[in-house]
């Protein structure tokens, strides 16, 4: 199975179905923001993984698109009888440096720890957020909206390195 950096209409459909399944209980419920935190954690981890140009996190990001394209195209052809293999304009987060990578991996690790301590429903929401985030970050629109993220991760990483080295503290 090869990874993809191009999302199809079917992949978008798969992401929107998962997004809807996660937002519907919040919309019909009390609409408290804390109900969205588990989903947001997964989305944040996916955004950090999408900023990684390679490695396990980058590999997982591109392969999520492949899974979404296949599942969404199958759902579209089965439910509506149409092909949804048309590709969307692709985008990606670029510019992550070595110090930013440290922060990205740390954020993903924290989300994994959060997942391990979560209940059954929140585990599903974290996975749903990671899936939706990873898939939508293959599009030019969402990747463009989050184009600031690699720079922010690099800045945070630079600050951590400076603090560890003792630069400017005394």
C-alpha atoms as a PDB file:
ATOM      1  CA  UNK A   1       0.000   0.000   0.000  1.00  0.00           C
ATOM      2  CA  UNK A   2       1.459   3.333  -1.048  1.00  0.00           C
ATOM      3  CA  UNK A   3       0.752   6.637   0.646  1.00  0.00           C
ATOM      4  CA  UNK A   4      -0.833   9.593  -1.106  1.00  0.00           C
ATOM      5  CA  UNK A   5      -0.594  13.339  -0.858  1.00  0.00           C
ATOM      6  CA  UNK A   6      -3.692  13.867  -3.040  1.00  0.00           C
ATOM      7  CA  UNK A   7      -7.131  13.680  -1.539  1.00  0.00           C
ATOM      8  CA  UNK A   8     -10.122  12.694  -3.665  1.00  0.00           C
ATOM      9  CA  UNK A   9     -13.767  13.623  -3.245  1.00  0.00           C
ATOM     10  CA  UNK A  10     -14.225  10.185  -1.719  1.00  0.00           C
ATOM     11  CA  UNK A  11     -11.536  10.887   0.864  1.00  0.00           C
ATOM     12  CA  UNK A  12     -13.210  14.190   1.658  1.00  0.00           C
ATOM     13  CA  UNK A  13     -16.522  12.356   2.059  1.00  0.00           C
ATOM     14  CA  UNK A  14     -14.945   9.908   4.517  1.00  0.00           C
ATOM     15  CA  UNK A  15     -13.486  12.760   6.582  1.00  0.00           C
ATOM     16  CA  UNK A  16     -16.775  14.667   6.559  1.00  0.00           C
ATOM     17  CA  UNK A  17     -18.687  11.572   7.681  1.00  0.00           C
ATOM     18  CA  UNK A  18     -16.341  11.096  10.645  1.00  0.00           C
ATOM     19  CA  UNK A  19     -16.442  14.830  11.417  1.00  0.00           C
ATOM     20  CA  UNK A  20     -20.249  14.788  11.367  1.00  0.00           C
ATOM     21  CA  UNK A  21     -20.364  11.716  13.610  1.00  0.00           C
ATOM     22  CA  UNK A  22     -18.170  13.549  16.124  1.00  0.00           C
ATOM     23  CA  UNK A  23     -19.932  16.924  15.964  1.00  0.00           C
ATOM     24  CA  UNK A  24     -23.533  15.649  15.958  1.00  0.00           C
ATOM     25  CA  UNK A  25     -23.647  14.671  19.673  1.00  0.00           C
ATOM     26  CA  UNK A  26     -22.158  18.039  20.587  1.00  0.00           C
ATOM     27  CA  UNK A  27     -24.603  19.943  18.345  1.00  0.00           C
ATOM     28  CA  UNK A  28     -27.668  18.134  19.641  1.00  0.00           C
ATOM     29  CA  UNK A  29     -26.448  18.194  23.247  1.00  0.00           C
ATOM     30  CA  UNK A  30     -25.474  21.010  25.571  1.00  0.00           C
ATOM     31  CA  UNK A  31     -22.806  22.370  23.207  1.00  0.00           C
ATOM     32  CA  UNK A  32     -20.151  22.630  25.862  1.00  0.00           C
ATOM     33  CA  UNK A  33     -16.661  23.128  24.464  1.00  0.00           C
ATOM     34  CA  UNK A  34     -15.234  20.465  26.762  1.00  0.00           C
ATOM     35  CA  UNK A  35     -17.175  17.897  24.720  1.00  0.00           C
ATOM     36  CA  UNK A  36     -14.903  18.706  21.759  1.00  0.00           C
ATOM     37  CA  UNK A  37     -11.575  18.451  23.603  1.00  0.00           C
ATOM     38  CA  UNK A  38     -10.930  14.786  22.794  1.00  0.00           C
ATOM     39  CA  UNK A  39     -11.602  15.400  19.100  1.00  0.00           C
ATOM     40  CA  UNK A  40      -9.397  18.499  19.220  1.00  0.00           C
ATOM     41  CA  UNK A  41      -6.539  16.549  20.775  1.00  0.00           C
ATOM     42  CA  UNK A  42      -6.635  14.077  17.900  1.00  0.00           C
ATOM     43  CA  UNK A  43      -6.765  16.903  15.354  1.00  0.00           C
ATOM     44  CA  UNK A  44      -3.765  18.588  17.017  1.00  0.00           C
ATOM     45  CA  UNK A  45      -1.745  15.373  16.901  1.00  0.00           C
ATOM     46  CA  UNK A  46      -2.619  14.963  13.214  1.00  0.00           C
ATOM     47  CA  UNK A  47      -1.561  18.535  12.476  1.00  0.00           C
ATOM     48  CA  UNK A  48       1.801  17.945  14.148  1.00  0.00           C
ATOM     49  CA  UNK A  49       2.204  14.682  12.225  1.00  0.00           C
ATOM     50  CA  UNK A  50       1.294  16.447   8.971  1.00  0.00           C
ATOM     51  CA  UNK A  51       4.076  18.962   9.583  1.00  0.00           C
ATOM     52  CA  UNK A  52       6.613  16.120   9.654  1.00  0.00           C
ATOM     53  CA  UNK A  53       8.086  15.573   6.183  1.00  0.00           C
ATOM     54  CA  UNK A  54       8.865  11.906   6.823  1.00  0.00           C
ATOM     55  CA  UNK A  55       9.415   9.361   9.526  1.00  0.00           C
ATOM     56  CA  UNK A  56       6.619   7.387  11.138  1.00  0.00           C
ATOM     57  CA  UNK A  57       4.444  10.457  11.660  1.00  0.00           C
ATOM     58  CA  UNK A  58       4.749  11.599   8.038  1.00  0.00           C
ATOM     59  CA  UNK A  59       4.172   8.051   6.847  1.00  0.00           C
ATOM     60  CA  UNK A  60       1.007   7.733   8.956  1.00  0.00           C
ATOM     61  CA  UNK A  61      -0.256  11.066   7.631  1.00  0.00           C
ATOM     62  CA  UNK A  62       0.058  10.084   3.961  1.00  0.00           C
ATOM     63  CA  UNK A  63      -1.378   6.621   4.518  1.00  0.00           C
ATOM     64  CA  UNK A  64      -4.433   8.056   6.249  1.00  0.00           C
ATOM     65  CA  UNK A  65      -5.226   9.768   2.952  1.00  0.00           C
ATOM     66  CA  UNK A  66      -5.003   6.465   1.122  1.00  0.00           C
ATOM     67  CA  UNK A  67      -7.407   4.832   3.573  1.00  0.00           C
ATOM     68  CA  UNK A  68      -9.818   7.766   3.386  1.00  0.00           C
ATOM     69  CA  UNK A  69      -9.787   7.822  -0.421  1.00  0.00           C
ATOM     70  CA  UNK A  70     -10.578   4.110  -0.646  1.00  0.00           C
ATOM     71  CA  UNK A  71     -13.284   4.115   2.033  1.00  0.00           C
ATOM     72  CA  UNK A  72     -14.920   7.303   0.789  1.00  0.00           C
ATOM     73  CA  UNK A  73     -14.930   6.223  -2.840  1.00  0.00           C
ATOM     74  CA  UNK A  74     -16.520   2.929  -1.862  1.00  0.00           C
ATOM     75  CA  UNK A  75     -19.132   4.696   0.277  1.00  0.00           C
ATOM     76  CA  UNK A  76     -19.928   7.167  -2.493  1.00  0.00           C
ATOM     77  CA  UNK A  77     -20.314   4.544  -5.188  1.00  0.00           C
ATOM     78  CA  UNK A  78     -22.407   2.307  -2.922  1.00  0.00           C
ATOM     79  CA  UNK A  79     -24.660   5.034  -1.520  1.00  0.00           C
ATOM     80  CA  UNK A  80     -25.008   7.351  -4.495  1.00  0.00           C
ATOM     81  CA  UNK A  81     -23.847   5.294  -7.457  1.00  0.00           C
ATOM     82  CA  UNK A  82     -21.311   7.882  -8.549  1.00  0.00           C
ATOM     83  CA  UNK A  83     -17.552   7.947  -8.828  1.00  0.00           C
ATOM     84  CA  UNK A  84     -15.773  10.214  -6.391  1.00  0.00           C
ATOM     85  CA  UNK A  85     -12.220   9.626  -7.584  1.00  0.00           C
ATOM     86  CA  UNK A  86     -11.758  13.248  -8.673  1.00  0.00           C
ATOM     87  CA  UNK A  87      -8.713  14.700  -6.942  1.00  0.00           C
ATOM     88  CA  UNK A  88      -8.753  17.889  -4.912  1.00  0.00           C
ATOM     89  CA  UNK A  89      -6.032  20.521  -4.865  1.00  0.00           C
ATOM     90  CA  UNK A  90      -3.379  19.180  -2.540  1.00  0.00           C
ATOM     91  CA  UNK A  91      -1.486  21.049   0.111  1.00  0.00           C
ATOM     92  CA  UNK A  92       1.075  20.316   2.766  1.00  0.00           C
ATOM     93  CA  UNK A  93       2.730  21.885   5.759  1.00  0.00           C
ATOM     94  CA  UNK A  94       6.382  22.662   5.036  1.00  0.00           C
ATOM     95  CA  UNK A  95       9.299  24.131   6.914  1.00  0.00           C
ATOM     96  CA  UNK A  96       9.574  21.970  10.021  1.00  0.00           C
ATOM     97  CA  UNK A  97      13.115  22.043  11.407  1.00  0.00           C
ATOM     98  CA  UNK A  98      14.928  19.774  13.836  1.00  0.00           C
ATOM     99  CA  UNK A  99      13.892  21.756  16.915  1.00  0.00           C
ATOM    100  CA  UNK A 100      10.280  21.919  15.743  1.00  0.00           C
ATOM    101  CA  UNK A 101      10.305  18.170  15.180  1.00  0.00           C
ATOM    102  CA  UNK A 102      11.127  17.671  18.865  1.00  0.00           C
ATOM    103  CA  UNK A 103       8.009  19.635  19.818  1.00  0.00           C
ATOM    104  CA  UNK A 104       5.843  17.869  17.201  1.00  0.00           C
ATOM    105  CA  UNK A 105       6.853  14.439  18.488  1.00  0.00           C
ATOM    106  CA  UNK A 106       6.296  15.571  22.080  1.00  0.00           C
ATOM    107  CA  UNK A 107       2.784  16.820  21.264  1.00  0.00           C
ATOM    108  CA  UNK A 108       1.884  13.549  19.532  1.00  0.00           C
ATOM    109  CA  UNK A 109       3.310  11.628  22.492  1.00  0.00           C
ATOM    110  CA  UNK A 110       1.166  13.645  24.919  1.00  0.00           C
ATOM    111  CA  UNK A 111      -1.929  12.907  22.852  1.00  0.00           C
ATOM    112  CA  UNK A 112      -1.058   9.196  22.883  1.00  0.00           C
ATOM    113  CA  UNK A 113      -0.760   9.342  26.679  1.00  0.00           C
ATOM    114  CA  UNK A 114      -4.108  11.124  26.814  1.00  0.00           C
ATOM    115  CA  UNK A 115      -5.581   8.397  24.601  1.00  0.00           C
ATOM    116  CA  UNK A 116      -4.303   5.677  26.916  1.00  0.00           C
ATOM    117  CA  UNK A 117      -5.986   7.318  29.910  1.00  0.00           C
ATOM    118  CA  UNK A 118      -9.258   8.163  28.153  1.00  0.00           C
ATOM    119  CA  UNK A 119     -12.559   6.360  28.337  1.00  0.00           C
ATOM    120  CA  UNK A 120     -14.029   4.380  25.456  1.00  0.00           C
ATOM    121  CA  UNK A 121     -15.986   7.298  23.930  1.00  0.00           C
ATOM    122  CA  UNK A 122     -13.094   9.737  24.206  1.00  0.00           C
ATOM    123  CA  UNK A 123     -10.718   7.213  22.631  1.00  0.00           C
ATOM    124  CA  UNK A 124     -13.012   7.074  19.611  1.00  0.00           C
ATOM    125  CA  UNK A 125     -13.157  10.865  19.487  1.00  0.00           C
ATOM    126  CA  UNK A 126      -9.361  11.201  19.644  1.00  0.00           C
ATOM    127  CA  UNK A 127      -8.975   8.716  16.784  1.00  0.00           C
ATOM    128  CA  UNK A 128     -11.725  10.514  14.858  1.00  0.00           C
ATOM    129  CA  UNK A 129      -9.995  13.859  15.333  1.00  0.00           C
ATOM    130  CA  UNK A 130      -6.683  12.411  14.198  1.00  0.00           C
ATOM    131  CA  UNK A 131      -8.301  10.879  11.110  1.00  0.00           C
ATOM    132  CA  UNK A 132     -10.184  14.033  10.132  1.00  0.00           C
ATOM    133  CA  UNK A 133      -7.179  16.259  10.803  1.00  0.00           C
ATOM    134  CA  UNK A 134      -4.794  14.112   8.834  1.00  0.00           C
ATOM    135  CA  UNK A 135      -7.157  13.811   5.876  1.00  0.00           C
ATOM    136  CA  UNK A 136      -8.143  17.481   5.735  1.00  0.00           C
ATOM    137  CA  UNK A 137      -4.500  18.559   5.999  1.00  0.00           C
ATOM    138  CA  UNK A 138      -3.948  16.957   2.598  1.00  0.00           C
ATOM    139  CA  UNK A 139      -6.045  19.777   1.078  1.00  0.00           C
ATOM    140  CA  UNK A 140      -4.695  23.157   0.051  1.00  0.00           C
ATOM    141  CA  UNK A 141      -7.304  25.052   2.069  1.00  0.00           C
ATOM    142  CA  UNK A 142      -6.717  23.474   5.467  1.00  0.00           C
ATOM    143  CA  UNK A 143      -2.947  23.190   4.971  1.00  0.00           C
ATOM    144  CA  UNK A 144      -2.898  26.845   3.943  1.00  0.00           C
ATOM    145  CA  UNK A 145      -4.909  27.864   6.996  1.00  0.00           C
ATOM    146  CA  UNK A 146      -2.403  26.054   9.240  1.00  0.00           C
ATOM    147  CA  UNK A 147       0.715  27.120   7.317  1.00  0.00           C
ATOM    148  CA  UNK A 148       1.880  28.958  10.449  1.00  0.00           C
ATOM    149  CA  UNK A 149       2.167  25.708  12.434  1.00  0.00           C
ATOM    150  CA  UNK A 150       5.682  24.563  11.361  1.00  0.00           C
ATOM    151  CA  UNK A 151       7.058  28.004  12.229  1.00  0.00           C
ATOM    152  CA  UNK A 152       5.339  27.921  15.611  1.00  0.00           C
ATOM    153  CA  UNK A 153       6.697  24.437  16.316  1.00  0.00           C
ATOM    154  CA  UNK A 154      10.182  25.591  15.275  1.00  0.00           C
ATOM    155  CA  UNK A 155       9.909  28.641  17.544  1.00  0.00           C
ATOM    156  CA  UNK A 156       8.772  26.551  20.507  1.00  0.00           C
ATOM    157  CA  UNK A 157      11.571  24.080  19.857  1.00  0.00           C
ATOM    158  CA  UNK A 158      14.124  26.879  19.653  1.00  0.00           C
ATOM    159  CA  UNK A 159      12.877  28.222  22.993  1.00  0.00           C
ATOM    160  CA  UNK A 160      13.191  24.776  24.603  1.00  0.00           C
ATOM    161  CA  UNK A 161      16.736  24.364  23.280  1.00  0.00           C
ATOM    162  CA  UNK A 162      17.680  27.856  24.463  1.00  0.00           C
ATOM    163  CA  UNK A 163      16.283  27.135  27.938  1.00  0.00           C
ATOM    164  CA  UNK A 164      18.149  23.833  28.162  1.00  0.00           C
ATOM    165  CA  UNK A 165      21.383  25.473  27.043  1.00  0.00           C
ATOM    166  CA  UNK A 166      20.875  28.267  29.578  1.00  0.00           C
ATOM    167  CA  UNK A 167      20.884  31.033  26.991  1.00  0.00           C
ATOM    168  CA  UNK A 168      19.802  34.351  28.390  1.00  0.00           C
ATOM    169  CA  UNK A 169      18.622  32.965  31.702  1.00  0.00           C
ATOM    170  CA  UNK A 170      21.238  34.659  33.876  1.00  0.00           C
END
